[in-house]
């Protein structure tokens, strides 16, 4: 049994009900995870809005399928059961892919390998792996610009790569950590 209760949308305060109405009107679902997060509207808005913004940005850069594969691989590697389940279902329903038996292009293999390492051990990404992935994106194009990937320096967050903004990876990590704290889970 979860440690944090889920709000009841019918009896929630009006400000929570308004946030729920806007969220549903945006085409999103009200999952159990979101119902626990809604105990704090500000946390819900910060996490959910950032999440959807980052997802849209990634899709614009590399395409919907590649973005979904990337997010699935990160979810599996950091052992987030909620996200892994979500992206598994998404891959099956929207892309007709079986996560247990992928047939991937070389680019998708590189991207998923990169994502797995980002999620579990960012320092294990070799310069050769990064260069091959970066060159593929430069050669075949990033949907928005030709520099969709760049090598980040060694800093407080280790040696990792970012698909875009300097703090994009940090925001993704913070969002997931906040969800785990709010939900009392480890995944």
Protein backbone atom coordinates (compact mmCIF):
# COMPACT_ATOMS: atom_id res chain seq x y z
CA UNK A 1 0.00 0.00 0.00
CA UNK A 2 1.27 3.47 -0.87
CA UNK A 3 2.29 5.83 1.89
CA UNK A 4 0.82 8.91 0.28
CA UNK A 5 -2.89 8.95 -0.33
CA UNK A 6 -4.41 9.92 -3.64
CA UNK A 7 -6.66 12.95 -3.78
CA UNK A 8 -10.29 12.38 -4.66
CA UNK A 9 -11.02 14.67 -7.61
CA UNK A 10 -14.67 14.96 -6.56
CA UNK A 11 -13.90 16.22 -3.05
CA UNK A 12 -10.63 18.05 -3.72
CA UNK A 13 -10.44 21.81 -3.09
CA UNK A 14 -11.57 24.01 -5.97
CA UNK A 15 -8.02 25.03 -6.92
CA UNK A 16 -7.07 21.35 -7.30
CA UNK A 17 -10.20 20.64 -9.32
CA UNK A 18 -9.35 23.55 -11.65
CA UNK A 19 -5.84 22.17 -12.21
CA UNK A 20 -7.35 18.76 -12.94
CA UNK A 21 -9.82 20.26 -15.44
CA UNK A 22 -7.02 22.07 -17.29
CA UNK A 23 -4.83 18.95 -17.27
CA UNK A 24 -7.60 16.77 -18.70
CA UNK A 25 -8.54 19.46 -21.24
CA UNK A 26 -4.92 19.31 -22.44
CA UNK A 27 -5.49 15.70 -23.43
CA UNK A 28 -3.65 14.20 -20.46
CA UNK A 29 -4.80 11.47 -18.11
CA UNK A 30 -5.15 11.72 -14.35
CA UNK A 31 -3.02 8.78 -13.22
CA UNK A 32 -2.62 7.51 -9.66
CA UNK A 33 0.83 9.07 -9.58
CA UNK A 34 -0.64 12.46 -10.48
CA UNK A 35 -3.40 12.08 -7.89
CA UNK A 36 -0.75 11.73 -5.18
CA UNK A 37 1.24 14.65 -6.55
CA UNK A 38 -1.86 16.87 -6.52
CA UNK A 39 -1.61 17.19 -2.74
CA UNK A 40 0.71 20.05 -3.71
CA UNK A 41 -0.56 21.97 -6.74
CA UNK A 42 2.71 23.86 -7.18
CA UNK A 43 4.71 20.63 -7.24
CA UNK A 44 2.25 19.10 -9.70
CA UNK A 45 2.43 22.10 -12.03
CA UNK A 46 6.21 22.35 -11.87
CA UNK A 47 6.81 18.67 -12.51
CA UNK A 48 4.09 18.05 -15.07
CA UNK A 49 4.60 21.21 -17.11
CA UNK A 50 8.37 20.72 -17.20
CA UNK A 51 7.90 17.08 -18.14
CA UNK A 52 5.62 17.79 -21.08
CA UNK A 53 7.77 20.72 -22.23
CA UNK A 54 10.93 18.60 -22.24
CA UNK A 55 9.12 15.78 -24.03
CA UNK A 56 7.82 18.11 -26.77
CA UNK A 57 11.29 19.64 -27.16
CA UNK A 58 12.91 16.22 -27.54
CA UNK A 59 10.27 15.11 -30.07
CA UNK A 60 10.82 18.26 -32.13
CA UNK A 61 14.56 17.60 -32.15
CA UNK A 62 14.70 13.90 -32.96
CA UNK A 63 11.17 12.80 -33.84
CA UNK A 64 8.41 11.14 -31.82
CA UNK A 65 9.54 7.52 -32.21
CA UNK A 66 13.18 8.21 -31.36
CA UNK A 67 12.13 10.39 -28.41
CA UNK A 68 9.88 7.62 -27.09
CA UNK A 69 12.66 5.05 -27.48
CA UNK A 70 15.09 7.40 -25.71
CA UNK A 71 12.71 7.96 -22.78
CA UNK A 72 11.90 4.24 -22.58
CA UNK A 73 15.61 3.36 -22.38
CA UNK A 74 16.25 5.93 -19.63
CA UNK A 75 13.24 4.63 -17.69
CA UNK A 76 14.41 1.04 -17.90
CA UNK A 77 17.97 1.90 -16.93
CA UNK A 78 17.01 3.95 -13.88
CA UNK A 79 14.46 1.30 -12.94
CA UNK A 80 11.43 3.60 -12.88
CA UNK A 81 8.60 1.08 -13.03
CA UNK A 82 5.91 3.73 -13.66
CA UNK A 83 7.78 5.29 -16.60
CA UNK A 84 8.89 1.94 -18.01
CA UNK A 85 5.31 0.68 -17.98
CA UNK A 86 4.06 3.90 -19.57
CA UNK A 87 6.65 3.91 -22.37
CA UNK A 88 6.28 0.16 -23.00
CA UNK A 89 2.56 0.65 -23.56
CA UNK A 90 3.20 3.75 -25.69
CA UNK A 91 5.69 1.90 -27.90
CA UNK A 92 3.24 -0.97 -28.40
CA UNK A 93 0.12 1.14 -28.98
CA UNK A 94 1.47 4.12 -30.93
CA UNK A 95 4.45 2.63 -32.74
CA UNK A 96 3.47 -1.07 -32.89
CA UNK A 97 6.81 -2.07 -31.36
CA UNK A 98 7.34 -4.89 -28.92
CA UNK A 99 9.77 -3.70 -26.22
CA UNK A 100 10.92 -7.28 -25.71
CA UNK A 101 11.91 -7.62 -29.37
CA UNK A 102 13.02 -4.33 -30.90
CA UNK A 103 14.04 -4.12 -34.56
CA UNK A 104 16.06 -0.92 -34.49
CA UNK A 105 18.05 1.14 -36.92
CA UNK A 106 21.70 1.81 -36.11
CA UNK A 107 20.77 5.34 -35.06
CA UNK A 108 18.09 4.03 -32.69
CA UNK A 109 20.54 1.50 -31.24
CA UNK A 110 23.04 4.30 -30.61
CA UNK A 111 20.35 6.50 -29.10
CA UNK A 112 19.02 3.79 -26.79
CA UNK A 113 22.50 2.78 -25.68
CA UNK A 114 23.24 6.44 -24.93
CA UNK A 115 19.96 6.79 -22.99
CA UNK A 116 20.57 3.60 -20.99
CA UNK A 117 23.97 4.85 -19.94
CA UNK A 118 22.58 8.31 -19.11
CA UNK A 119 20.05 6.66 -16.83
CA UNK A 120 22.43 4.33 -15.03
CA UNK A 121 26.06 5.37 -15.43
CA UNK A 122 26.62 8.58 -17.41
CA UNK A 123 30.40 8.38 -16.98
CA UNK A 124 30.43 5.13 -18.93
CA UNK A 125 29.56 6.92 -22.20
CA UNK A 126 32.74 6.81 -24.22
CA UNK A 127 33.94 9.58 -26.49
CA UNK A 128 33.66 7.13 -29.39
CA UNK A 129 30.01 6.34 -28.64
CA UNK A 130 29.15 10.00 -28.26
CA UNK A 131 31.00 11.00 -31.41
CA UNK A 132 29.25 8.31 -33.49
CA UNK A 133 25.84 9.41 -32.23
CA UNK A 134 26.62 13.10 -32.71
CA UNK A 135 27.91 12.54 -36.24
CA UNK A 136 24.79 10.58 -37.12
CA UNK A 137 22.61 13.46 -35.94
CA UNK A 138 24.72 15.98 -37.82
CA UNK A 139 24.64 13.84 -40.96
CA UNK A 140 20.93 12.96 -40.90
CA UNK A 141 19.73 16.04 -39.15
CA UNK A 142 18.23 17.00 -35.93
CA UNK A 143 14.64 17.99 -36.62
CA UNK A 144 15.24 21.57 -35.43
CA UNK A 145 18.93 22.28 -35.78
CA UNK A 146 22.13 20.48 -36.64
CA UNK A 147 23.62 20.61 -33.14
CA UNK A 148 21.01 18.66 -31.21
CA UNK A 149 23.68 16.85 -29.21
CA UNK A 150 26.75 18.32 -27.64
CA UNK A 151 29.34 17.13 -25.20
CA UNK A 152 28.98 18.60 -21.73
CA UNK A 153 31.95 19.26 -19.49
CA UNK A 154 32.84 17.50 -16.32
CA UNK A 155 31.05 19.16 -13.47
CA UNK A 156 29.00 18.49 -10.37
CA UNK A 157 26.74 16.13 -12.30
CA UNK A 158 29.55 14.02 -13.69
CA UNK A 159 30.47 13.56 -17.31
CA UNK A 160 27.32 13.33 -19.37
CA UNK A 161 25.82 14.45 -22.61
CA UNK A 162 22.79 16.63 -23.20
CA UNK A 163 20.40 16.65 -26.13
CA UNK A 164 19.78 20.35 -25.77
CA UNK A 165 19.86 22.90 -23.02
CA UNK A 166 22.61 22.83 -20.45
CA UNK A 167 20.17 21.97 -17.71
CA UNK A 168 17.88 19.61 -19.66
CA UNK A 169 19.33 16.46 -18.10
CA UNK A 170 19.35 18.09 -14.66
CA UNK A 171 15.66 18.97 -15.03
CA UNK A 172 14.82 15.42 -16.08
CA UNK A 173 16.68 13.99 -13.07
CA UNK A 174 15.09 16.49 -10.70
CA UNK A 175 11.61 15.78 -12.05
CA UNK A 176 12.00 12.05 -11.52
CA UNK A 177 13.58 12.49 -8.07
CA UNK A 178 10.72 14.79 -7.04
CA UNK A 179 8.15 12.24 -8.21
CA UNK A 180 9.88 9.52 -6.22
CA UNK A 181 9.97 11.71 -3.09
CA UNK A 182 6.32 12.71 -3.40
CA UNK A 183 5.16 9.19 -4.13
CA UNK A 184 7.38 7.54 -1.55
CA UNK A 185 8.76 5.14 -4.13
CA UNK A 186 12.22 4.21 -5.30
CA UNK A 187 11.37 3.83 -8.99
